[in-house]
């Protein structure tokens, strides 16, 4: 059974934080994921920064802009998830707009 399905087997309350990849600095992302896990998060959403996140509010829009200025891209995010997996089994969901994913490639 996958990690996400496992955590929802129990209908208890869960903390699922959202973290924009590469915000406030690229080197902070891994530590922040490990910290939320240590604090009891059931899973984590990692935001894929996008240059025009119109469906998001001003806080996420600002974090996206800073992450992009920090050089975050999908390849870096996937490499970071691989690093997280070396230290953690926390369930991870990548959250983002289709535009960067299509640009990266669907196959």
PDB file of N, CA and C in Angstrom:
ATOM      1  N   UNK A   1       0.850  -1.179   0.000  1.00  0.00           N
ATOM      2  CA  UNK A   1       0.000   0.000   0.000  1.00  0.00           C
ATOM      3  C   UNK A   1       0.898   1.244   0.000  1.00  0.00           C
ATOM      4  N   UNK A   2       0.518   2.288  -0.732  1.00  0.00           N
ATOM      5  CA  UNK A   2       1.395   3.455  -0.787  1.00  0.00           C
ATOM      6  C   UNK A   2       1.296   4.305   0.484  1.00  0.00           C
ATOM      7  N   UNK A   3       2.268   5.179   0.650  1.00  0.00           N
ATOM      8  CA  UNK A   3       2.373   5.974   1.885  1.00  0.00           C
ATOM      9  C   UNK A   3       1.141   6.837   2.126  1.00  0.00           C
ATOM     10  N   UNK A   4       0.631   7.471   1.078  1.00  0.00           N
ATOM     11  CA  UNK A   4      -0.509   8.377   1.241  1.00  0.00           C
ATOM     12  C   UNK A   4      -1.760   7.593   1.623  1.00  0.00           C
ATOM     13  N   UNK A   5      -2.005   6.498   0.960  1.00  0.00           N
ATOM     14  CA  UNK A   5      -3.173   5.679   1.295  1.00  0.00           C
ATOM     15  C   UNK A   5      -3.075   5.194   2.741  1.00  0.00           C
ATOM     16  N   UNK A   6      -1.886   4.847   3.174  1.00  0.00           N
ATOM     17  CA  UNK A   6      -1.687   4.376   4.555  1.00  0.00           C
ATOM     18  C   UNK A   6      -2.114   5.413   5.589  1.00  0.00           C
ATOM     19  N   UNK A   7      -1.740   6.674   5.394  1.00  0.00           N
ATOM     20  CA  UNK A   7      -2.061   7.660   6.433  1.00  0.00           C
ATOM     21  C   UNK A   7      -3.556   7.947   6.510  1.00  0.00           C
ATOM     22  N   UNK A   8      -4.278   7.710   5.413  1.00  0.00           N
ATOM     23  CA  UNK A   8      -5.715   7.968   5.433  1.00  0.00           C
ATOM     24  C   UNK A   8      -6.545   6.743   5.817  1.00  0.00           C
ATOM     25  N   UNK A   9      -5.893   5.643   6.169  1.00  0.00           N
ATOM     26  CA  UNK A   9      -6.603   4.481   6.705  1.00  0.00           C
ATOM     27  C   UNK A   9      -7.231   4.824   8.051  1.00  0.00           C
ATOM     28  N   UNK A  10      -6.566   5.681   8.799  1.00  0.00           N
ATOM     29  CA  UNK A  10      -7.049   6.137  10.097  1.00  0.00           C
ATOM     30  C   UNK A  10      -7.692   7.509   9.892  1.00  0.00           C
ATOM     31  N   UNK A  11      -8.941   7.672  10.263  1.00  0.00           N
ATOM     32  CA  UNK A  11      -9.677   8.907  10.009  1.00  0.00           C
ATOM     33  C   UNK A  11      -9.434   9.960  11.097  1.00  0.00           C
ATOM     34  N   UNK A  12      -8.251   9.999  11.657  1.00  0.00           N
ATOM     35  CA  UNK A  12      -7.924  10.999  12.669  1.00  0.00           C
ATOM     36  C   UNK A  12      -7.525  12.316  12.002  1.00  0.00           C
ATOM     37  N   UNK A  13      -7.404  13.356  12.823  1.00  0.00           N
ATOM     38  CA  UNK A  13      -6.944  14.647  12.316  1.00  0.00           C
ATOM     39  C   UNK A  13      -5.470  14.539  11.938  1.00  0.00           C
ATOM     40  N   UNK A  14      -5.094  15.256  10.882  1.00  0.00           N
ATOM     41  CA  UNK A  14      -3.723  15.201  10.392  1.00  0.00           C
ATOM     42  C   UNK A  14      -3.223  16.599  10.069  1.00  0.00           C
ATOM     43  N   UNK A  15      -1.946  16.812  10.292  1.00  0.00           N
ATOM     44  CA  UNK A  15      -1.291  18.044   9.879  1.00  0.00           C
ATOM     45  C   UNK A  15      -0.552  17.746   8.583  1.00  0.00           C
ATOM     46  N   UNK A  16      -0.874  18.527   7.526  1.00  0.00           N
ATOM     47  CA  UNK A  16      -0.243  18.347   6.226  1.00  0.00           C
ATOM     48  C   UNK A  16       0.231  19.728   5.757  1.00  0.00           C
ATOM     49  N   UNK A  17       1.458  20.097   6.102  1.00  0.00           N
ATOM     50  CA  UNK A  17       1.945  21.429   5.731  1.00  0.00           C
ATOM     51  C   UNK A  17       2.292  21.536   4.244  1.00  0.00           C
ATOM     52  N   UNK A  18       2.255  22.762   3.764  1.00  0.00           N
ATOM     53  CA  UNK A  18       2.646  23.100   2.398  1.00  0.00           C
ATOM     54  C   UNK A  18       3.952  23.884   2.474  1.00  0.00           C
ATOM     55  N   UNK A  19       4.933  23.461   1.702  1.00  0.00           N
ATOM     56  CA  UNK A  19       6.226  24.149   1.656  1.00  0.00           C
ATOM     57  C   UNK A  19       6.563  24.422   0.197  1.00  0.00           C
ATOM     58  N   UNK A  20       6.827  25.671  -0.139  1.00  0.00           N
ATOM     59  CA  UNK A  20       7.273  25.991  -1.494  1.00  0.00           C
ATOM     60  C   UNK A  20       8.718  25.545  -1.629  1.00  0.00           C
ATOM     61  N   UNK A  21       8.984  24.682  -2.598  1.00  0.00           N
ATOM     62  CA  UNK A  21      10.355  24.188  -2.821  1.00  0.00           C
ATOM     63  C   UNK A  21      11.293  25.359  -3.080  1.00  0.00           C
ATOM     64  N   UNK A  22      12.402  25.375  -2.358  1.00  0.00           N
ATOM     65  CA  UNK A  22      13.417  26.403  -2.576  1.00  0.00           C
ATOM     66  C   UNK A  22      13.172  27.723  -1.886  1.00  0.00           C
ATOM     67  N   UNK A  23      12.190  27.778  -1.009  1.00  0.00           N
ATOM     68  CA  UNK A  23      11.894  29.011  -0.277  1.00  0.00           C
ATOM     69  C   UNK A  23      12.129  28.784   1.207  1.00  0.00           C
ATOM     70  N   UNK A  24      12.754  29.643   1.930  1.00  0.00           N
ATOM     71  CA  UNK A  24      13.299  30.925   1.486  1.00  0.00           C
ATOM     72  C   UNK A  24      14.624  30.797   0.725  1.00  0.00           C
ATOM     73  N   UNK A  25      15.308  29.641   0.937  1.00  0.00           N
ATOM     74  CA  UNK A  25      16.536  29.350   0.175  1.00  0.00           C
ATOM     75  C   UNK A  25      16.481  27.883  -0.226  1.00  0.00           C
ATOM     76  N   UNK A  26      17.134  27.553  -1.315  1.00  0.00           N
ATOM     77  CA  UNK A  26      17.130  26.161  -1.769  1.00  0.00           C
ATOM     78  C   UNK A  26      17.631  25.219  -0.676  1.00  0.00           C
ATOM     79  N   UNK A  27      18.682  25.613  -0.007  1.00  0.00           N
ATOM     80  CA  UNK A  27      19.291  24.731   0.990  1.00  0.00           C
ATOM     81  C   UNK A  27      18.427  24.544   2.238  1.00  0.00           C
ATOM     82  N   UNK A  28      17.325  25.290   2.375  1.00  0.00           N
ATOM     83  CA  UNK A  28      16.432  25.143   3.526  1.00  0.00           C
ATOM     84  C   UNK A  28      15.389  24.042   3.348  1.00  0.00           C
ATOM     85  N   UNK A  29      15.120  23.658   2.113  1.00  0.00           N
ATOM     86  CA  UNK A  29      13.985  22.778   1.839  1.00  0.00           C
ATOM     87  C   UNK A  29      14.098  21.435   2.545  1.00  0.00           C
ATOM     88  N   UNK A  30      15.203  20.747   2.404  1.00  0.00           N
ATOM     89  CA  UNK A  30      15.370  19.428   3.031  1.00  0.00           C
ATOM     90  C   UNK A  30      15.175  19.519   4.538  1.00  0.00           C
ATOM     91  N   UNK A  31      15.826  20.465   5.180  1.00  0.00           N
ATOM     92  CA  UNK A  31      15.717  20.618   6.628  1.00  0.00           C
ATOM     93  C   UNK A  31      14.297  20.935   7.078  1.00  0.00           C
ATOM     94  N   UNK A  32      13.591  21.740   6.297  1.00  0.00           N
ATOM     95  CA  UNK A  32      12.207  22.072   6.657  1.00  0.00           C
ATOM     96  C   UNK A  32      11.307  20.846   6.575  1.00  0.00           C
ATOM     97  N   UNK A  33      11.508  20.011   5.563  1.00  0.00           N
ATOM     98  CA  UNK A  33      10.701  18.792   5.439  1.00  0.00           C
ATOM     99  C   UNK A  33      10.977  17.865   6.632  1.00  0.00           C
ATOM    100  N   UNK A  34      12.234  17.684   6.951  1.00  0.00           N
ATOM    101  CA  UNK A  34      12.583  16.824   8.088  1.00  0.00           C
ATOM    102  C   UNK A  34      12.054  17.404   9.396  1.00  0.00           C
ATOM    103  N   UNK A  35      12.053  18.733   9.516  1.00  0.00           N
ATOM    104  CA  UNK A  35      11.555  19.375  10.737  1.00  0.00           C
ATOM    105  C   UNK A  35      10.045  19.196  10.894  1.00  0.00           C
ATOM    106  N   UNK A  36       9.283  19.345   9.800  1.00  0.00           N
ATOM    107  CA  UNK A  36       7.835  19.161   9.941  1.00  0.00           C
ATOM    108  C   UNK A  36       7.494  17.709  10.238  1.00  0.00           C
ATOM    109  N   UNK A  37       8.288  16.796   9.695  1.00  0.00           N
ATOM    110  CA  UNK A  37       8.079  15.385  10.026  1.00  0.00           C
ATOM    111  C   UNK A  37       8.340  15.154  11.511  1.00  0.00           C
ATOM    112  N   UNK A  38       9.437  15.690  12.020  1.00  0.00           N
ATOM    113  CA  UNK A  38       9.765  15.543  13.446  1.00  0.00           C
ATOM    114  C   UNK A  38       8.702  16.171  14.343  1.00  0.00           C
ATOM    115  N   UNK A  39       8.067  17.231  13.836  1.00  0.00           N
ATOM    116  CA  UNK A  39       7.028  17.916  14.606  1.00  0.00           C
ATOM    117  C   UNK A  39       5.680  17.207  14.536  1.00  0.00           C
ATOM    118  N   UNK A  40       5.584  16.132  13.733  1.00  0.00           N
ATOM    119  CA  UNK A  40       4.360  15.348  13.713  1.00  0.00           C
ATOM    120  C   UNK A  40       3.514  15.435  12.456  1.00  0.00           C
ATOM    121  N   UNK A  41       4.012  16.087  11.412  1.00  0.00           N
ATOM    122  CA  UNK A  41       3.239  16.153  10.170  1.00  0.00           C
ATOM    123  C   UNK A  41       3.001  14.743   9.630  1.00  0.00           C
ATOM    124  N   UNK A  42       1.791  14.520   9.132  1.00  0.00           N
ATOM    125  CA  UNK A  42       1.445  13.215   8.580  1.00  0.00           C
ATOM    126  C   UNK A  42       1.995  13.045   7.164  1.00  0.00           C
ATOM    127  N   UNK A  43       2.053  14.126   6.424  1.00  0.00           N
ATOM    128  CA  UNK A  43       2.616  14.149   5.075  1.00  0.00           C
ATOM    129  C   UNK A  43       2.954  15.595   4.770  1.00  0.00           C
ATOM    130  N   UNK A  44       3.545  15.838   3.606  1.00  0.00           N
ATOM    131  CA  UNK A  44       3.910  17.205   3.248  1.00  0.00           C
ATOM    132  C   UNK A  44       3.601  17.441   1.770  1.00  0.00           C
ATOM    133  N   UNK A  45       3.111  18.640   1.493  1.00  0.00           N
ATOM    134  CA  UNK A  45       2.919  19.094   0.120  1.00  0.00           C
ATOM    135  C   UNK A  45       4.114  19.975  -0.224  1.00  0.00           C
ATOM    136  N   UNK A  46       4.768  19.657  -1.326  1.00  0.00           N
ATOM    137  CA  UNK A  46       5.882  20.485  -1.791  1.00  0.00           C
ATOM    138  C   UNK A  46       5.400  21.232  -3.019  1.00  0.00           C
ATOM    139  N   UNK A  47       5.413  22.549  -2.934  1.00  0.00           N
ATOM    140  CA  UNK A  47       4.949  23.388  -4.031  1.00  0.00           C
ATOM    141  C   UNK A  47       6.010  23.549  -5.108  1.00  0.00           C
ATOM    142  N   UNK A  48       5.599  23.345  -6.357  1.00  0.00           N
ATOM    143  CA  UNK A  48       6.460  23.586  -7.517  1.00  0.00           C
ATOM    144  C   UNK A  48       6.270  25.049  -7.901  1.00  0.00           C
ATOM    145  N   UNK A  49       7.299  25.881  -7.761  1.00  0.00           N
ATOM    146  CA  UNK A  49       7.128  27.300  -8.066  1.00  0.00           C
ATOM    147  C   UNK A  49       6.767  27.535  -9.534  1.00  0.00           C
ATOM    148  N   UNK A  50       5.940  28.548  -9.746  1.00  0.00           N
ATOM    149  CA  UNK A  50       5.487  28.928 -11.081  1.00  0.00           C
ATOM    150  C   UNK A  50       5.491  30.448 -11.160  1.00  0.00           C
ATOM    151  N   UNK A  51       5.821  30.969 -12.313  1.00  0.00           N
ATOM    152  CA  UNK A  51       5.976  32.415 -12.488  1.00  0.00           C
ATOM    153  C   UNK A  51       4.664  33.189 -12.444  1.00  0.00           C
ATOM    154  N   UNK A  52       3.538  32.530 -12.640  1.00  0.00           N
ATOM    155  CA  UNK A  52       2.258  33.229 -12.701  1.00  0.00           C
ATOM    156  C   UNK A  52       1.182  32.464 -11.926  1.00  0.00           C
ATOM    157  N   UNK A  53       1.357  32.295 -10.617  1.00  0.00           N
ATOM    158  CA  UNK A  53       0.429  31.474  -9.834  1.00  0.00           C
ATOM    159  C   UNK A  53      -0.862  32.220  -9.468  1.00  0.00           C
ATOM    160  N   UNK A  54      -1.701  32.473 -10.448  1.00  0.00           N
ATOM    161  CA  UNK A  54      -2.896  33.300 -10.245  1.00  0.00           C
ATOM    162  C   UNK A  54      -3.914  32.707  -9.284  1.00  0.00           C
ATOM    163  N   UNK A  55      -3.970  31.403  -9.158  1.00  0.00           N
ATOM    164  CA  UNK A  55      -4.963  30.780  -8.274  1.00  0.00           C
ATOM    165  C   UNK A  55      -4.530  30.802  -6.811  1.00  0.00           C
ATOM    166  N   UNK A  56      -3.313  31.259  -6.539  1.00  0.00           N
ATOM    167  CA  UNK A  56      -2.799  31.296  -5.176  1.00  0.00           C
ATOM    168  C   UNK A  56      -2.861  32.715  -4.619  1.00  0.00           C
ATOM    169  N   UNK A  57      -2.807  32.785  -3.315  1.00  0.00           N
ATOM    170  CA  UNK A  57      -2.829  34.081  -2.655  1.00  0.00           C
ATOM    171  C   UNK A  57      -1.461  34.743  -2.658  1.00  0.00           C
ATOM    172  N   UNK A  58      -1.389  35.948  -2.090  1.00  0.00           N
ATOM    173  CA  UNK A  58      -0.154  36.735  -2.152  1.00  0.00           C
ATOM    174  C   UNK A  58       1.042  36.101  -1.452  1.00  0.00           C
ATOM    175  N   UNK A  59       0.827  35.339  -0.391  1.00  0.00           N
ATOM    176  CA  UNK A  59       1.946  34.719   0.328  1.00  0.00           C
ATOM    177  C   UNK A  59       2.602  33.649  -0.542  1.00  0.00           C
ATOM    178  N   UNK A  60       1.793  32.768  -1.131  1.00  0.00           N
ATOM    179  CA  UNK A  60       2.349  31.722  -1.987  1.00  0.00           C
ATOM    180  C   UNK A  60       2.912  32.336  -3.270  1.00  0.00           C
ATOM    181  N   UNK A  61       2.261  33.352  -3.803  1.00  0.00           N
ATOM    182  CA  UNK A  61       2.805  34.031  -4.985  1.00  0.00           C
ATOM    183  C   UNK A  61       4.206  34.578  -4.694  1.00  0.00           C
ATOM    184  N   UNK A  62       4.374  35.205  -3.539  1.00  0.00           N
ATOM    185  CA  UNK A  62       5.676  35.772  -3.175  1.00  0.00           C
ATOM    186  C   UNK A  62       6.715  34.667  -2.970  1.00  0.00           C
ATOM    187  N   UNK A  63       6.325  33.569  -2.315  1.00  0.00           N
ATOM    188  CA  UNK A  63       7.290  32.486  -2.100  1.00  0.00           C
ATOM    189  C   UNK A  63       7.681  31.842  -3.432  1.00  0.00           C
ATOM    190  N   UNK A  64       6.742  31.734  -4.368  1.00  0.00           N
ATOM    191  CA  UNK A  64       7.052  31.214  -5.703  1.00  0.00           C
ATOM    192  C   UNK A  64       8.081  32.092  -6.394  1.00  0.00           C
ATOM    193  N   UNK A  65       7.898  33.399  -6.330  1.00  0.00           N
ATOM    194  CA  UNK A  65       8.821  34.325  -6.995  1.00  0.00           C
ATOM    195  C   UNK A  65      10.227  34.198  -6.419  1.00  0.00           C
ATOM    196  N   UNK A  66      10.329  34.136  -5.107  1.00  0.00           N
ATOM    197  CA  UNK A  66      11.643  34.011  -4.472  1.00  0.00           C
ATOM    198  C   UNK A  66      12.285  32.676  -4.834  1.00  0.00           C
ATOM    199  N   UNK A  67      11.504  31.600  -4.815  1.00  0.00           N
ATOM    200  CA  UNK A  67      12.044  30.285  -5.171  1.00  0.00           C
ATOM    201  C   UNK A  67      12.560  30.277  -6.611  1.00  0.00           C
ATOM    202  N   UNK A  68      11.816  30.884  -7.515  1.00  0.00           N
ATOM    203  CA  UNK A  68      12.277  30.956  -8.912  1.00  0.00           C
ATOM    204  C   UNK A  68      13.559  31.778  -9.017  1.00  0.00           C
ATOM    205  N   UNK A  69      13.632  32.873  -8.281  1.00  0.00           N
ATOM    206  CA  UNK A  69      14.858  33.688  -8.258  1.00  0.00           C
ATOM    207  C   UNK A  69      16.023  32.892  -7.683  1.00  0.00           C
ATOM    208  N   UNK A  70      15.728  31.923  -6.816  1.00  0.00           N
ATOM    209  CA  UNK A  70      16.760  31.052  -6.243  1.00  0.00           C
ATOM    210  C   UNK A  70      17.191  29.952  -7.211  1.00  0.00           C
ATOM    211  N   UNK A  71      16.537  29.876  -8.379  1.00  0.00           N
ATOM    212  CA  UNK A  71      16.928  28.888  -9.382  1.00  0.00           C
ATOM    213  C   UNK A  71      16.237  27.550  -9.273  1.00  0.00           C
ATOM    214  N   UNK A  72      15.098  27.493  -8.589  1.00  0.00           N
ATOM    215  CA  UNK A  72      14.378  26.234  -8.431  1.00  0.00           C
ATOM    216  C   UNK A  72      13.699  25.853  -9.746  1.00  0.00           C
ATOM    217  N   UNK A  73      13.857  24.592 -10.114  1.00  0.00           N
ATOM    218  CA  UNK A  73      13.148  24.035 -11.264  1.00  0.00           C
ATOM    219  C   UNK A  73      12.730  22.603 -10.909  1.00  0.00           C
ATOM    220  N   UNK A  74      11.985  21.976 -11.787  1.00  0.00           N
ATOM    221  CA  UNK A  74      11.449  20.645 -11.473  1.00  0.00           C
ATOM    222  C   UNK A  74      12.566  19.630 -11.256  1.00  0.00           C
ATOM    223  N   UNK A  75      13.602  19.679 -12.053  1.00  0.00           N
ATOM    224  CA  UNK A  75      14.707  18.717 -11.875  1.00  0.00           C
ATOM    225  C   UNK A  75      15.316  18.857 -10.484  1.00  0.00           C
ATOM    226  N   UNK A  76      15.509  20.091 -10.036  1.00  0.00           N
ATOM    227  CA  UNK A  76      16.052  20.310  -8.694  1.00  0.00           C
ATOM    228  C   UNK A  76      15.093  19.749  -7.641  1.00  0.00           C
ATOM    229  N   UNK A  77      13.792  19.959  -7.836  1.00  0.00           N
ATOM    230  CA  UNK A  77      12.807  19.446  -6.879  1.00  0.00           C
ATOM    231  C   UNK A  77      12.860  17.924  -6.825  1.00  0.00           C
ATOM    232  N   UNK A  78      12.908  17.271  -7.976  1.00  0.00           N
ATOM    233  CA  UNK A  78      12.977  15.801  -7.989  1.00  0.00           C
ATOM    234  C   UNK A  78      14.251  15.300  -7.322  1.00  0.00           C
ATOM    235  N   UNK A  79      15.365  15.983  -7.549  1.00  0.00           N
ATOM    236  CA  UNK A  79      16.614  15.609  -6.874  1.00  0.00           C
ATOM    237  C   UNK A  79      16.479  15.793  -5.360  1.00  0.00           C
ATOM    238  N   UNK A  80      15.802  16.858  -4.943  1.00  0.00           N
ATOM    239  CA  UNK A  80      15.604  17.112  -3.516  1.00  0.00           C
ATOM    240  C   UNK A  80      14.707  16.040  -2.895  1.00  0.00           C
ATOM    241  N   UNK A  81      13.659  15.636  -3.607  1.00  0.00           N
ATOM    242  CA  UNK A  81      12.803  14.557  -3.104  1.00  0.00           C
ATOM    243  C   UNK A  81      13.621  13.268  -2.941  1.00  0.00           C
ATOM    244  N   UNK A  82      14.515  13.005  -3.875  1.00  0.00           N
ATOM    245  CA  UNK A  82      15.387  11.823  -3.753  1.00  0.00           C
ATOM    246  C   UNK A  82      16.247  11.921  -2.489  1.00  0.00           C
ATOM    247  N   UNK A  83      16.743  13.119  -2.183  1.00  0.00           N
ATOM    248  CA  UNK A  83      17.528  13.321  -0.956  1.00  0.00           C
ATOM    249  C   UNK A  83      16.650  13.135   0.283  1.00  0.00           C
ATOM    250  N   UNK A  84      15.419  13.638   0.232  1.00  0.00           N
ATOM    251  CA  UNK A  84      14.495  13.450   1.355  1.00  0.00           C
ATOM    252  C   UNK A  84      14.287  11.964   1.607  1.00  0.00           C
ATOM    253  N   UNK A  85      14.092  11.203   0.544  1.00  0.00           N
ATOM    254  CA  UNK A  85      13.840   9.769   0.657  1.00  0.00           C
ATOM    255  C   UNK A  85      14.992   9.020   1.306  1.00  0.00           C
ATOM    256  N   UNK A  86      16.193   9.543   1.223  1.00  0.00           N
ATOM    257  CA  UNK A  86      17.334   8.896   1.883  1.00  0.00           C
ATOM    258  C   UNK A  86      17.239   9.000   3.401  1.00  0.00           C
ATOM    259  N   UNK A  87      16.445   9.989   3.890  1.00  0.00           N
ATOM    260  CA  UNK A  87      16.376  10.245   5.325  1.00  0.00           C
ATOM    261  C   UNK A  87      14.977  10.108   5.910  1.00  0.00           C
ATOM    262  N   UNK A  88      13.965   9.964   5.059  1.00  0.00           N
ATOM    263  CA  UNK A  88      12.595  10.028   5.558  1.00  0.00           C
ATOM    264  C   UNK A  88      11.655   9.210   4.679  1.00  0.00           C
ATOM    265  N   UNK A  89      10.612   8.694   5.302  1.00  0.00           N
ATOM    266  CA  UNK A  89       9.551   7.985   4.589  1.00  0.00           C
ATOM    267  C   UNK A  89       8.255   8.793   4.588  1.00  0.00           C
ATOM    268  N   UNK A  90       8.311  10.067   4.978  1.00  0.00           N
ATOM    269  CA  UNK A  90       7.096  10.880   5.027  1.00  0.00           C
ATOM    270  C   UNK A  90       6.438  10.909   3.644  1.00  0.00           C
ATOM    271  N   UNK A  91       5.127  10.747   3.576  1.00  0.00           N
ATOM    272  CA  UNK A  91       4.446  10.862   2.287  1.00  0.00           C
ATOM    273  C   UNK A  91       4.607  12.279   1.723  1.00  0.00           C
ATOM    274  N   UNK A  92       4.839  12.364   0.429  1.00  0.00           N
ATOM    275  CA  UNK A  92       5.078  13.640  -0.249  1.00  0.00           C
ATOM    276  C   UNK A  92       4.131  13.758  -1.430  1.00  0.00           C
ATOM    277  N   UNK A  93       3.532  14.943  -1.567  1.00  0.00           N
ATOM    278  CA  UNK A  93       2.739  15.274  -2.742  1.00  0.00           C
ATOM    279  C   UNK A  93       3.364  16.507  -3.367  1.00  0.00           C
ATOM    280  N   UNK A  94       3.626  16.452  -4.668  1.00  0.00           N
ATOM    281  CA  UNK A  94       4.088  17.639  -5.378  1.00  0.00           C
ATOM    282  C   UNK A  94       2.859  18.398  -5.861  1.00  0.00           C
ATOM    283  N   UNK A  95       2.825  19.690  -5.581  1.00  0.00           N
ATOM    284  CA  UNK A  95       1.672  20.518  -5.911  1.00  0.00           C
ATOM    285  C   UNK A  95       2.119  21.624  -6.843  1.00  0.00           C
ATOM    286  N   UNK A  96       1.412  21.776  -7.952  1.00  0.00           N
ATOM    287  CA  UNK A  96       1.794  22.849  -8.850  1.00  0.00           C
ATOM    288  C   UNK A  96       0.840  22.996 -10.014  1.00  0.00           C
ATOM    289  N   UNK A  97       1.188  23.909 -10.866  1.00  0.00           N
ATOM    290  CA  UNK A  97       0.430  24.175 -12.082  1.00  0.00           C
ATOM    291  C   UNK A  97       0.931  23.265 -13.193  1.00  0.00           C
ATOM    292  N   UNK A  98       0.081  22.994 -14.169  1.00  0.00           N
ATOM    293  CA  UNK A  98       0.449  22.112 -15.278  1.00  0.00           C
ATOM    294  C   UNK A  98       1.538  22.708 -16.176  1.00  0.00           C
ATOM    295  N   UNK A  99       1.595  24.022 -16.300  1.00  0.00           N
ATOM    296  CA  UNK A  99       2.529  24.660 -17.229  1.00  0.00           C
ATOM    297  C   UNK A  99       3.975  24.200 -17.034  1.00  0.00           C
ATOM    298  N   UNK A 100       4.535  24.263 -15.818  1.00  0.00           N
ATOM    299  CA  UNK A 100       5.915  23.796 -15.645  1.00  0.00           C
ATOM    300  C   UNK A 100       6.068  22.298 -15.885  1.00  0.00           C
ATOM    301  N   UNK A 101       5.038  21.537 -15.550  1.00  0.00           N
ATOM    302  CA  UNK A 101       5.098  20.091 -15.735  1.00  0.00           C
ATOM    303  C   UNK A 101       5.118  19.759 -17.230  1.00  0.00           C
ATOM    304  N   UNK A 102       4.276  20.434 -17.998  1.00  0.00           N
ATOM    305  CA  UNK A 102       4.264  20.230 -19.451  1.00  0.00           C
ATOM    306  C   UNK A 102       5.607  20.646 -20.045  1.00  0.00           C
ATOM    307  N   UNK A 103       6.145  21.763 -19.571  1.00  0.00           N
ATOM    308  CA  UNK A 103       7.452  22.220 -20.068  1.00  0.00           C
ATOM    309  C   UNK A 103       8.530  21.193 -19.760  1.00  0.00           C
ATOM    310  N   UNK A 104       8.482  20.588 -18.571  1.00  0.00           N
ATOM    311  CA  UNK A 104       9.447  19.573 -18.188  1.00  0.00           C
ATOM    312  C   UNK A 104       9.302  18.330 -19.067  1.00  0.00           C
ATOM    313  N   UNK A 105       8.048  17.955 -19.339  1.00  0.00           N
ATOM    314  CA  UNK A 105       7.775  16.783 -20.173  1.00  0.00           C
ATOM    315  C   UNK A 105       6.950  15.773 -19.420  1.00  0.00           C
ATOM    316  N   UNK A 106       5.975  15.192 -20.094  1.00  0.00           N
ATOM    317  CA  UNK A 106       5.060  14.249 -19.452  1.00  0.00           C
ATOM    318  C   UNK A 106       5.508  12.803 -19.543  1.00  0.00           C
ATOM    319  N   UNK A 107       6.452  12.491 -20.411  1.00  0.00           N
ATOM    320  CA  UNK A 107       6.843  11.092 -20.563  1.00  0.00           C
ATOM    321  C   UNK A 107       8.076  10.743 -19.767  1.00  0.00           C
TER     322      UNK A 107
END
